[in-house]
Amino acid sequence: MRRSNDYIHFFYNRRMNKLLTMMAFVRVAESGSFTAAAAQLGVSVSAVAKAVTRLEEELGVQLLVRTTRKLALNDDGREFFSRCQRILNDIEDAESSVKGARQTPQGRLRMVMPTMFGRLTFLPQAAAFSARYPDIVLDVAFEDRQVNLIERGLDLAVQVGDLNDSNYLTRTLYRGPRVTAASPAYLKRHGEPKTPDDLVKHNCIISNYGPVWHFSHRGRAMPVTVRGNLVVTGGEAMREAAILGLGIAQSNGWTFHHDINAGTLRPLLENFAVEGRPMSIVYPPTRHVPSKLRVMIDFLVAITRLPAGGARPATAPSAARRRRAGPA
């Protein structure tokens, strides 16, 4: 009997130590610092460093490149990091599902979203979310490209365009026409185009999507090649240039949503608009949606529907209905 108990004790300690070393490694990789990781875990710096070293010895590979200035993951480290993140996220999900929805949502929420959406829509309302859910730690990256959530250990992403990965679950945030717009100051100086063909007489801000702007009339496509003395890379620069009166710009409706509501930009050629690219929330499939993820999905849906300068939503809408992602 003593031998059996010793085995159980050994097995339990071995598994718990493995989990703790993985957690230490993940915190170091996320923060890029043994000191920061130790502060998050509430242990000494030497304990974190020893845990990571012990993990590398057990695996027989180096996971971190250590220099006097910083820590960085090598190729083996990045692969192991993504797998450890998934394991720890699964454990957190399991705990959340067992504890039930009555518990206050808590934990780290890792997200990525487009830069402009983050700056114009999310950040102005982030304080309201944190006030309501103070136990959720927001870990947000701004990136203007689609990412692999599972590889990067992300809980959620806001992505623009058609979603081709059917392994994700999705909730549409915005779907609407492409918008052509200019500032009132520009229109006062140069007049307003009445048809897409009138754009050849105007200074158009050309973005990384190129000089061909798309319109339609009575079901007929009307592509127009525009010209201008300003070419910019990135939607944020294009929006700023349009607000400053440097020319006419075209983008997805959500890019200009706040500015049109605020009156700093005016929509043009609305009768000729074509469908724009959708913006959606995507997240990995899970049997039980963690409460921290569920409340963030509801919050993003609510704030996306707010007008410019609108107050924060008083109550969260009902939980998002999940569906399999497919071409939008």
Protein backbone atom coordinates (compact mmCIF):
# COMPACT_ATOMS: atom_id res chain seq x y z
CA MET A 1 0.00 0.00 0.00
CA ARG A 2 2.89 2.35 0.91
CA ARG A 3 4.51 1.60 -2.44
CA SER A 4 1.28 2.43 -4.30
CA ASN A 5 0.93 5.73 -2.45
CA ASP A 6 4.55 6.62 -3.20
CA TYR A 7 3.93 5.98 -6.88
CA ILE A 8 0.83 8.20 -6.90
CA HIS A 9 2.73 10.94 -5.08
CA PHE A 10 5.64 10.67 -7.53
CA PHE A 11 3.34 10.65 -10.56
CA TYR A 12 1.35 13.67 -9.28
CA ASN A 13 4.47 15.71 -8.50
CA ARG A 14 6.05 14.87 -11.83
CA ARG A 15 2.98 16.01 -13.78
CA MET A 16 2.50 19.15 -11.71
CA ASN A 17 6.17 20.09 -12.09
CA LYS A 18 5.89 19.61 -15.84
CA LEU A 19 2.85 21.89 -15.95
CA LEU A 20 4.55 24.54 -13.82
CA THR A 21 7.70 24.54 -15.96
CA MET A 22 5.56 24.90 -19.09
CA MET A 23 3.73 27.81 -17.49
CA ALA A 24 7.02 29.47 -16.57
CA PHE A 25 8.34 29.02 -20.11
CA VAL A 26 5.17 30.51 -21.65
CA ARG A 27 5.28 33.56 -19.37
CA VAL A 28 8.96 34.13 -20.20
CA ALA A 29 8.28 33.81 -23.94
CA GLU A 30 5.32 36.20 -23.75
CA SER A 31 7.10 38.86 -21.71
CA GLY A 32 10.64 38.39 -23.06
CA SER A 33 11.96 38.59 -19.51
CA PHE A 34 12.60 36.27 -16.56
CA THR A 35 11.90 39.17 -14.21
CA ALA A 36 8.50 39.98 -15.73
CA ALA A 37 7.54 36.30 -15.80
CA ALA A 38 8.51 35.91 -12.14
CA ALA A 39 6.36 38.91 -11.20
CA GLN A 40 3.36 37.45 -13.02
CA LEU A 41 3.77 34.05 -11.37
CA GLY A 42 4.59 35.40 -7.92
CA VAL A 43 7.89 33.53 -7.59
CA SER A 44 11.58 34.45 -7.63
CA VAL A 45 13.50 35.17 -10.82
CA SER A 46 15.91 32.33 -10.09
CA ALA A 47 13.00 29.87 -9.76
CA VAL A 48 11.71 30.83 -13.22
CA ALA A 49 15.18 30.62 -14.78
CA LYS A 50 15.79 27.18 -13.21
CA ALA A 51 12.39 25.94 -14.40
CA VAL A 52 13.10 26.93 -18.00
CA THR A 53 16.60 25.44 -17.87
CA ARG A 54 15.21 22.20 -16.44
CA LEU A 55 12.61 22.09 -19.21
CA GLU A 56 15.28 22.53 -21.89
CA GLU A 57 17.37 19.76 -20.28
CA GLU A 58 14.42 17.37 -20.24
CA LEU A 59 13.59 18.10 -23.88
CA GLY A 60 17.21 17.97 -24.97
CA VAL A 61 16.89 21.18 -27.00
CA GLN A 62 17.42 24.88 -26.43
CA LEU A 63 14.19 26.89 -26.54
CA LEU A 64 15.43 30.41 -25.83
CA VAL A 65 18.29 32.41 -27.28
CA ARG A 66 19.75 34.36 -24.38
CA THR A 67 21.75 37.56 -24.87
CA THR A 68 22.73 40.33 -22.48
CA ARG A 69 19.91 42.50 -23.83
CA LYS A 70 16.98 40.22 -24.50
CA LEU A 71 15.50 36.73 -24.74
CA ALA A 72 14.14 35.36 -28.01
CA LEU A 73 12.55 32.11 -29.11
CA ASN A 74 14.38 29.97 -31.63
CA ASP A 75 12.54 27.69 -34.10
CA ASP A 76 12.14 24.86 -31.56
CA GLY A 77 11.06 27.39 -28.96
CA ARG A 78 8.36 28.89 -31.18
CA GLU A 79 6.93 25.44 -31.95
CA PHE A 80 6.94 24.38 -28.30
CA PHE A 81 5.56 27.76 -27.22
CA SER A 82 2.49 27.48 -29.47
CA ARG A 83 1.79 23.96 -28.20
CA CYS A 84 2.20 24.96 -24.56
CA GLN A 85 -0.14 27.92 -25.06
CA ARG A 86 -2.82 25.62 -26.47
CA ILE A 87 -2.44 23.22 -23.52
CA LEU A 88 -2.66 26.00 -20.92
CA ASN A 89 -5.61 27.59 -22.74
CA ASP A 90 -7.39 24.23 -22.81
CA ILE A 91 -6.87 23.85 -19.05
CA GLU A 92 -8.22 27.35 -18.46
CA ASP A 93 -11.21 26.60 -20.72
CA ALA A 94 -11.92 23.38 -18.82
CA GLU A 95 -11.80 25.20 -15.49
CA SER A 96 -14.11 27.91 -16.77
CA SER A 97 -16.68 25.42 -18.04
CA VAL A 98 -16.72 23.55 -14.71
CA LYS A 99 -16.93 26.66 -12.54
CA GLY A 100 -19.93 27.79 -14.52
CA ALA A 101 -21.23 30.97 -16.04
CA ARG A 102 -22.13 32.50 -12.68
CA GLN A 103 -18.47 33.11 -11.90
CA THR A 104 -17.03 36.50 -12.84
CA PRO A 105 -15.17 36.21 -16.17
CA GLN A 106 -11.44 36.25 -15.58
CA GLY A 107 -8.05 35.39 -17.06
CA ARG A 108 -5.84 36.61 -19.87
CA LEU A 109 -7.60 37.23 -23.19
CA ARG A 110 -5.24 37.19 -26.17
CA MET A 111 -6.56 39.03 -29.22
CA VAL A 112 -5.40 40.49 -32.52
CA MET A 113 -7.27 43.09 -34.57
CA PRO A 114 -6.71 45.56 -37.44
CA THR A 115 -4.87 48.72 -36.42
CA MET A 116 -7.64 51.16 -37.34
CA PHE A 117 -10.38 49.10 -35.76
CA GLY A 118 -8.30 48.89 -32.62
CA ARG A 119 -7.55 52.61 -32.48
CA LEU A 120 -10.93 53.97 -33.54
CA THR A 121 -13.41 51.43 -32.20
CA PHE A 122 -11.86 49.21 -29.53
CA LEU A 123 -9.47 51.42 -27.54
CA PRO A 124 -11.99 54.24 -26.94
CA GLN A 125 -14.30 51.66 -25.31
CA ALA A 126 -11.65 49.44 -23.65
CA ALA A 127 -11.89 51.27 -20.33
CA ALA A 128 -15.62 50.50 -20.17
CA PHE A 129 -14.90 46.80 -20.72
CA SER A 130 -12.19 46.74 -18.04
CA ALA A 131 -14.45 48.55 -15.58
CA ARG A 132 -17.10 45.91 -16.06
CA TYR A 133 -14.72 42.92 -16.14
CA PRO A 134 -11.73 43.93 -14.00
CA ASP A 135 -10.45 40.35 -13.68
CA ILE A 136 -9.85 39.97 -17.43
CA VAL A 137 -6.35 40.90 -18.62
CA LEU A 138 -6.46 42.21 -22.19
CA ASP A 139 -3.47 41.16 -24.32
CA VAL A 140 -4.07 42.89 -27.67
CA ALA A 141 -1.95 43.07 -30.83
CA PHE A 142 -2.74 45.35 -33.78
CA GLU A 143 -1.98 43.72 -37.13
CA ASP A 144 -3.41 44.32 -40.59
CA ARG A 145 -3.26 40.74 -41.82
CA GLN A 146 -4.96 37.45 -41.16
CA VAL A 147 -3.16 35.26 -38.63
CA ASN A 148 -3.20 31.65 -37.50
CA LEU A 149 -4.88 31.77 -34.10
CA ILE A 150 -3.95 28.24 -33.07
CA GLU A 151 -0.26 28.58 -33.91
CA ARG A 152 -0.03 31.84 -31.97
CA GLY A 153 -2.17 30.73 -29.04
CA LEU A 154 -4.76 33.47 -29.58
CA ASP A 155 -8.27 33.41 -28.15
CA LEU A 156 -9.85 35.71 -30.71
CA ALA A 157 -9.13 37.79 -33.80
CA VAL A 158 -10.96 40.51 -35.68
CA GLN A 159 -10.22 39.93 -39.34
CA VAL A 160 -11.15 41.64 -42.60
CA GLY A 161 -12.03 39.78 -45.77
CA ASP A 162 -13.37 36.39 -46.71
CA LEU A 163 -12.59 33.67 -44.17
CA ASN A 164 -11.23 30.57 -45.85
CA ASP A 165 -10.42 28.44 -42.80
CA SER A 166 -13.51 26.41 -41.91
CA ASN A 167 -11.85 25.22 -38.69
CA TYR A 168 -12.67 28.53 -37.01
CA LEU A 169 -15.94 29.80 -35.60
CA THR A 170 -17.02 33.25 -36.70
CA ARG A 171 -19.36 36.14 -35.96
CA THR A 172 -19.82 38.93 -38.51
CA LEU A 173 -19.15 42.41 -37.13
CA TYR A 174 -19.67 44.48 -40.25
CA ARG A 175 -20.89 43.94 -43.79
CA GLY A 176 -21.60 46.83 -46.11
CA PRO A 177 -20.57 48.74 -49.22
CA ARG A 178 -17.19 50.15 -50.13
CA VAL A 179 -17.27 53.86 -49.45
CA THR A 180 -15.84 56.70 -51.48
CA ALA A 181 -15.36 59.83 -49.37
CA ALA A 182 -13.72 63.24 -49.13
CA SER A 183 -13.51 66.05 -46.61
CA PRO A 184 -15.93 68.99 -46.79
CA ALA A 185 -12.92 71.28 -47.35
CA TYR A 186 -11.80 69.32 -50.41
CA LEU A 187 -15.31 69.28 -51.87
CA LYS A 188 -15.68 73.02 -51.31
CA ARG A 189 -12.52 73.63 -53.34
CA HIS A 190 -13.01 71.08 -56.11
CA GLY A 191 -16.71 70.22 -56.24
CA GLU A 192 -18.42 66.87 -55.82
CA PRO A 193 -18.23 64.08 -58.44
CA LYS A 194 -21.68 63.00 -59.61
CA THR A 195 -20.65 59.79 -61.41
CA PRO A 196 -17.60 57.51 -61.17
CA ASP A 197 -16.32 58.90 -64.48
CA ASP A 198 -16.05 62.34 -62.84
CA LEU A 199 -13.22 61.01 -60.67
CA VAL A 200 -10.75 61.48 -63.52
CA LYS A 201 -11.08 65.23 -62.87
CA HIS A 202 -10.21 64.85 -59.19
CA ASN A 203 -7.15 64.16 -57.07
CA CYS A 204 -7.60 60.65 -55.68
CA ILE A 205 -5.59 59.13 -52.85
CA ILE A 206 -4.22 55.84 -54.09
CA SER A 207 -3.68 53.11 -51.51
CA ASN A 208 -1.97 49.73 -51.65
CA TYR A 209 -5.11 48.33 -53.32
CA GLY A 210 -4.09 50.16 -56.49
CA PRO A 211 -5.59 52.83 -58.76
CA VAL A 212 -8.57 50.80 -60.02
CA TRP A 213 -11.69 51.67 -58.01
CA HIS A 214 -14.78 49.54 -58.39
CA PHE A 215 -18.37 50.76 -58.83
CA SER A 216 -21.55 49.36 -60.33
CA HIS A 217 -24.74 50.75 -61.84
CA ARG A 218 -27.88 48.73 -62.48
CA GLY A 219 -25.92 45.51 -62.12
CA ARG A 220 -23.14 46.57 -64.48
CA ALA A 221 -19.57 46.75 -63.19
CA MET A 222 -17.92 50.15 -63.60
CA PRO A 223 -14.20 49.96 -62.80
CA VAL A 224 -12.47 53.35 -62.93
CA THR A 225 -8.72 53.97 -63.03
CA VAL A 226 -8.12 57.02 -60.84
CA ARG A 227 -5.14 59.35 -60.63
CA GLY A 228 -3.64 61.48 -57.91
CA ASN A 229 -0.47 62.99 -56.52
CA LEU A 230 -0.49 60.95 -53.29
CA VAL A 231 0.15 57.22 -52.95
CA VAL A 232 0.02 55.79 -49.42
CA THR A 233 0.49 52.39 -47.82
CA GLY A 234 -2.00 51.45 -45.12
CA GLY A 235 -5.57 52.43 -44.43
CA GLU A 236 -4.67 54.67 -41.51
CA ALA A 237 -2.52 56.97 -43.67
CA MET A 238 -5.17 57.04 -46.39
CA ARG A 239 -7.87 58.03 -43.89
CA GLU A 240 -5.74 60.80 -42.39
CA ALA A 241 -4.95 62.16 -45.85
CA ALA A 242 -8.64 62.25 -46.76
CA ILE A 243 -9.56 64.05 -43.51
CA LEU A 244 -6.83 66.62 -44.20
CA GLY A 245 -8.42 67.40 -47.57
CA LEU A 246 -5.65 65.95 -49.72
CA GLY A 247 -8.04 64.13 -52.05
CA ILE A 248 -10.81 61.58 -52.47
CA ALA A 249 -10.35 58.13 -50.94
CA GLN A 250 -12.07 54.76 -51.18
CA SER A 251 -12.11 51.95 -48.62
CA ASN A 252 -14.39 49.63 -46.67
CA GLY A 253 -17.25 51.35 -44.89
CA TRP A 254 -15.95 50.68 -41.37
CA THR A 255 -12.74 52.61 -42.21
CA PHE A 256 -14.71 55.85 -42.57
CA HIS A 257 -17.61 55.01 -40.25
CA HIS A 258 -16.63 57.31 -37.38
CA ASP A 259 -15.49 60.14 -39.64
CA ILE A 260 -18.71 60.21 -41.67
CA ASN A 261 -20.77 60.23 -38.46
CA ALA A 262 -18.60 63.02 -37.10
CA GLY A 263 -18.87 65.07 -40.31
CA THR A 264 -15.14 65.15 -41.04
CA LEU A 265 -15.73 63.12 -44.22
CA ARG A 266 -18.68 62.99 -46.60
CA PRO A 267 -19.69 59.89 -48.55
CA LEU A 268 -19.74 60.19 -52.34
CA LEU A 269 -21.25 58.21 -55.24
CA GLU A 270 -23.37 56.10 -52.88
CA ASN A 271 -25.68 54.97 -55.70
CA PHE A 272 -22.69 53.37 -57.43
CA ALA A 273 -21.18 51.57 -54.42
CA VAL A 274 -20.19 47.89 -54.53
CA GLU A 275 -20.09 45.42 -51.66
CA GLY A 276 -17.06 45.81 -49.41
CA ARG A 277 -15.05 43.20 -47.57
CA PRO A 278 -16.70 41.93 -44.37
CA MET A 279 -15.16 42.26 -40.92
CA SER A 280 -15.59 39.31 -38.57
CA ILE A 281 -14.67 37.89 -35.20
CA VAL A 282 -12.98 34.50 -35.48
CA TYR A 283 -12.01 32.12 -32.70
CA PRO A 284 -10.91 28.49 -32.43
CA PRO A 285 -13.60 25.87 -31.96
CA THR A 286 -14.13 24.76 -28.38
CA ARG A 287 -16.74 22.62 -26.69
CA HIS A 288 -17.30 25.23 -24.00
CA VAL A 289 -16.87 28.91 -24.88
CA PRO A 290 -15.05 30.48 -21.90
CA SER A 291 -16.98 33.28 -20.25
CA LYS A 292 -14.11 35.74 -20.86
CA LEU A 293 -14.35 35.03 -24.60
CA ARG A 294 -18.13 35.15 -24.67
CA VAL A 295 -18.34 38.57 -23.01
CA MET A 296 -15.67 39.99 -25.35
CA ILE A 297 -17.55 38.76 -28.43
CA ASP A 298 -20.73 40.42 -27.16
CA PHE A 299 -18.80 43.59 -26.36
CA LEU A 300 -17.18 43.84 -29.81
CA VAL A 301 -20.55 43.38 -31.50
CA ALA A 302 -22.06 46.11 -29.33
CA ILE A 303 -19.32 48.72 -29.81
CA THR A 304 -19.13 48.14 -33.55
CA ARG A 305 -22.76 49.26 -33.77
CA LEU A 306 -22.19 52.43 -31.74
CA PRO A 307 -22.20 55.77 -33.59
CA ALA A 308 -19.14 57.99 -33.39
CA GLY A 309 -18.81 59.33 -29.87
CA GLY A 310 -21.53 56.95 -28.65
CA ALA A 311 -21.76 55.96 -25.02
CA ARG A 312 -20.60 52.55 -23.95
CA PRO A 313 -23.22 49.80 -24.11
CA ALA A 314 -25.16 49.59 -20.86
CA THR A 315 -25.73 45.87 -21.11
CA ALA A 316 -24.12 43.15 -23.13
CA PRO A 317 -26.24 41.62 -25.87
CA SER A 318 -27.09 37.96 -25.87
CA ALA A 319 -24.26 35.52 -26.44
CA ALA A 320 -23.03 35.22 -30.01
CA ARG A 321 -24.45 32.31 -31.92
CA ARG A 322 -21.63 30.24 -33.24
CA ARG A 323 -21.43 29.01 -36.78
CA ARG A 324 -18.80 27.44 -38.92
CA ALA A 325 -16.72 29.91 -40.88
CA GLY A 326 -16.98 29.81 -44.63
CA PRO A 327 -16.48 32.15 -47.57
CA ALA A 328 -18.34 35.38 -46.84
